[in-house]
Protein backbone atom coordinates (compact mmCIF):
# COMPACT_ATOMS: atom_id res chain seq x y z
CA MET A 1 0.08 0.32 -0.21
CA ARG A 2 1.13 3.63 -0.38
CA TYR A 3 1.85 5.92 2.70
CA ALA A 4 3.53 9.03 2.37
CA MET A 5 5.54 11.03 5.59
CA ILE A 6 5.96 14.92 5.58
CA MET A 7 8.95 16.00 7.51
CA ALA A 8 8.48 18.68 9.00
CA GLY A 9 11.77 19.66 11.14
CA GLY A 10 14.48 21.65 11.67
CA ALA A 11 15.08 25.25 13.14
CA GLY A 12 13.69 27.57 10.31
CA THR A 13 17.55 29.73 11.26
CA ARG A 14 17.06 30.71 7.49
CA LEU A 15 13.88 32.36 7.75
CA TRP A 16 14.73 34.37 11.23
CA PRO A 17 13.53 36.65 12.49
CA MET A 18 9.96 35.45 11.36
CA SER A 19 10.55 31.57 11.95
CA ARG A 20 11.31 31.08 15.71
CA LYS A 21 12.09 28.10 18.32
CA ASP A 22 8.15 28.48 19.16
CA ARG A 23 7.00 29.51 15.64
CA PRO A 24 8.76 27.40 13.60
CA LYS A 25 8.86 27.78 9.42
CA GLN A 26 6.24 24.75 8.27
CA LEU A 27 3.58 26.37 10.54
CA LEU A 28 3.97 30.08 9.51
CA PRO A 29 0.77 31.04 6.77
CA PHE A 30 2.83 31.54 3.45
CA LEU A 31 0.37 31.59 0.57
CA ASN A 32 -2.97 32.68 1.30
CA GLY A 33 -3.61 31.72 5.06
CA ARG A 34 -1.75 28.33 4.98
CA SER A 35 1.67 27.02 5.76
CA LEU A 36 4.01 24.81 4.43
CA ILE A 37 2.42 21.81 5.78
CA GLN A 38 -0.56 21.99 5.20
CA LEU A 39 0.66 23.03 1.22
CA ALA A 40 3.31 19.31 1.63
CA GLU A 41 -0.24 18.06 2.59
CA GLU A 42 -2.64 19.03 -0.03
CA ARG A 43 0.34 17.99 -2.49
CA LEU A 44 -0.52 14.60 -1.84
CA GLU A 45 -4.32 14.57 -2.94
CA GLY A 46 -5.40 11.86 -5.29
CA VAL A 47 -2.33 9.86 -4.28
CA VAL A 48 -2.21 8.99 -0.76
CA PRO A 49 -5.52 8.81 1.40
CA PRO A 50 -5.15 10.55 4.41
CA GLU A 51 -6.07 7.61 6.68
CA ARG A 52 -2.19 6.79 5.07
CA ARG A 53 -0.08 10.57 5.67
CA LEU A 54 2.31 10.47 8.96
CA VAL A 55 4.19 13.71 9.73
CA CYS A 56 7.51 13.40 11.50
CA ALA A 57 8.73 16.71 13.60
CA ALA A 58 9.56 17.05 16.73
CA GLU A 59 7.35 16.68 19.99
CA ARG A 60 6.21 19.77 21.42
CA TYR A 61 4.87 21.21 17.64
CA ARG A 62 2.25 18.12 18.37
CA GLU A 63 -0.12 20.21 19.20
CA ALA A 64 -0.32 23.10 16.51
CA ILE A 65 0.55 20.35 13.63
CA LEU A 66 -2.65 18.33 14.25
CA HIS A 67 -4.70 21.52 14.56
CA ALA A 68 -2.90 23.02 11.22
CA ILE A 69 -4.05 19.33 9.90
CA PRO A 70 -7.12 18.01 11.47
CA ALA A 71 -7.13 15.06 9.13
CA LEU A 72 -3.67 13.61 10.65
CA SER A 73 -5.01 11.39 14.06
CA ALA A 74 -2.00 11.57 16.48
CA ASP A 75 -1.40 8.02 15.77
CA ARG A 76 -0.21 8.75 12.44
CA TYR A 77 2.51 11.79 14.13
CA LEU A 78 5.90 10.79 14.71
CA GLY A 79 6.96 13.00 17.12
CA GLU A 80 11.20 13.55 17.65
CA PRO A 81 12.13 14.06 21.22
CA MET A 82 15.11 16.49 19.80
CA GLY A 83 15.92 16.63 15.87
CA ARG A 84 18.45 13.93 14.45
CA ASP A 85 18.32 15.12 10.65
CA THR A 86 16.96 13.57 7.46
CA VAL A 87 18.11 9.76 7.67
CA ASN A 88 17.07 9.57 11.45
CA ALA A 89 13.32 10.61 10.08
CA VAL A 90 12.93 8.80 7.23
CA GLY A 91 14.43 5.16 8.92
CA LEU A 92 12.11 6.04 12.20
CA CYS A 93 8.98 6.16 9.22
CA ALA A 94 10.82 2.82 7.79
CA ALA A 95 10.31 0.82 10.79
CA VAL A 96 6.58 1.88 11.85
CA LEU A 97 6.23 0.99 8.28
CA ARG A 98 7.20 -2.40 8.33
CA ALA A 99 5.55 -3.35 11.60
CA HIS A 100 2.34 -2.42 10.21
CA ASP A 101 2.54 -2.74 6.55
CA PRO A 102 6.02 -4.73 5.57
CA GLY A 103 4.29 -4.52 1.87
CA ALA A 104 4.15 -0.50 2.36
CA VAL A 105 5.68 1.79 -0.40
CA PHE A 106 6.34 5.04 0.46
CA ALA A 107 6.94 8.73 -0.06
CA VAL A 108 9.28 11.15 1.80
CA LEU A 109 8.08 14.94 1.08
CA THR A 110 8.79 18.24 3.29
CA ALA A 111 7.03 20.41 4.95
CA ASP A 112 9.09 23.62 3.26
CA HIS A 113 8.94 23.63 -0.12
CA LEU A 114 6.54 24.74 -2.72
CA ILE A 115 6.00 22.67 -5.40
CA GLU A 116 4.29 24.14 -8.02
CA PRO A 117 2.33 23.35 -10.45
CA GLN A 118 0.44 20.61 -7.71
CA GLU A 119 -1.35 18.36 -10.32
CA GLU A 120 2.37 18.26 -12.53
CA PHE A 121 3.97 17.49 -9.07
CA ALA A 122 0.60 14.74 -8.40
CA ARG A 123 1.34 13.21 -11.22
CA ARG A 124 5.10 12.24 -11.17
CA LEU A 125 4.60 11.39 -7.88
CA ASP A 126 1.85 8.79 -8.99
CA LEU A 127 4.71 8.06 -11.47
CA ALA A 128 6.98 6.97 -8.87
CA PHE A 129 5.33 5.08 -7.19
CA ARG A 130 3.58 2.83 -9.77
CA LEU A 131 7.42 1.96 -10.55
CA VAL A 132 8.24 1.24 -7.21
CA GLU A 133 4.93 -1.16 -6.87
CA ALA A 134 6.42 -2.18 -9.82
CA ASP A 135 9.80 -3.47 -8.91
CA PRO A 136 10.45 -3.02 -4.89
CA THR A 137 14.81 -2.76 -5.27
CA ARG A 138 13.83 0.79 -6.66
CA LEU A 139 14.40 4.75 -5.75
CA CYS A 140 12.75 7.35 -6.96
CA THR A 141 14.56 11.05 -6.23
CA PHE A 142 13.17 14.16 -7.22
CA SER A 143 15.64 16.96 -7.60
CA ILE A 144 15.73 20.13 -9.23
CA THR A 145 18.66 21.57 -11.68
CA PRO A 146 21.37 23.07 -9.23
CA THR A 147 22.32 26.62 -10.01
CA PHE A 148 25.21 26.62 -7.58
CA PRO A 149 27.37 23.88 -5.90
CA ALA A 150 26.05 23.61 -2.48
CA THR A 151 27.61 20.49 -0.08
CA GLY A 152 24.95 20.62 2.94
CA TYR A 153 22.52 19.00 0.13
CA GLY A 154 24.73 16.08 -0.83
CA TYR A 155 25.18 15.17 -4.43
CA VAL A 156 22.58 12.25 -6.84
CA GLU A 157 24.54 10.46 -10.01
CA ARG A 158 21.69 11.35 -12.11
CA GLY A 159 20.94 8.00 -14.36
CA ASP A 160 18.04 7.84 -17.50
CA THR A 161 15.12 10.07 -16.91
CA ILE A 162 11.88 8.42 -17.29
CA ALA A 163 8.84 9.89 -17.74
């Protein structure tokens, strides 16, 4: 079955002074009164049903995030006692899903992106799910063409385009 996990972490230091410890970037209303985490959740419409969506974020933001996403139940909130970066959030989600559904295929999204057009992203996400469902050893990634080198984002060796 298809699942999606939205990572909503980070200190938001690049958005200071708007984003603070008690006002994280993922909860700031950036676009027409909607926060980045709400936009991330909306990107999953038509691809992953609400009951198979999870959020991984700091435990201290649990109530605020559950309020921002009414369809998210408390048991699908993976609260981290402290931030430990991306790989740990992905690993936690993978372990939780494996215990619940050993055949789970899941997408990892972040709550700090603006992706448009949303319909095109949903189409590409559906394609990625279908590719992994057809070959469970496959890993699909989404990227943008960089405009400068940034070691903080890692490197991906690009293969052939699948459309």
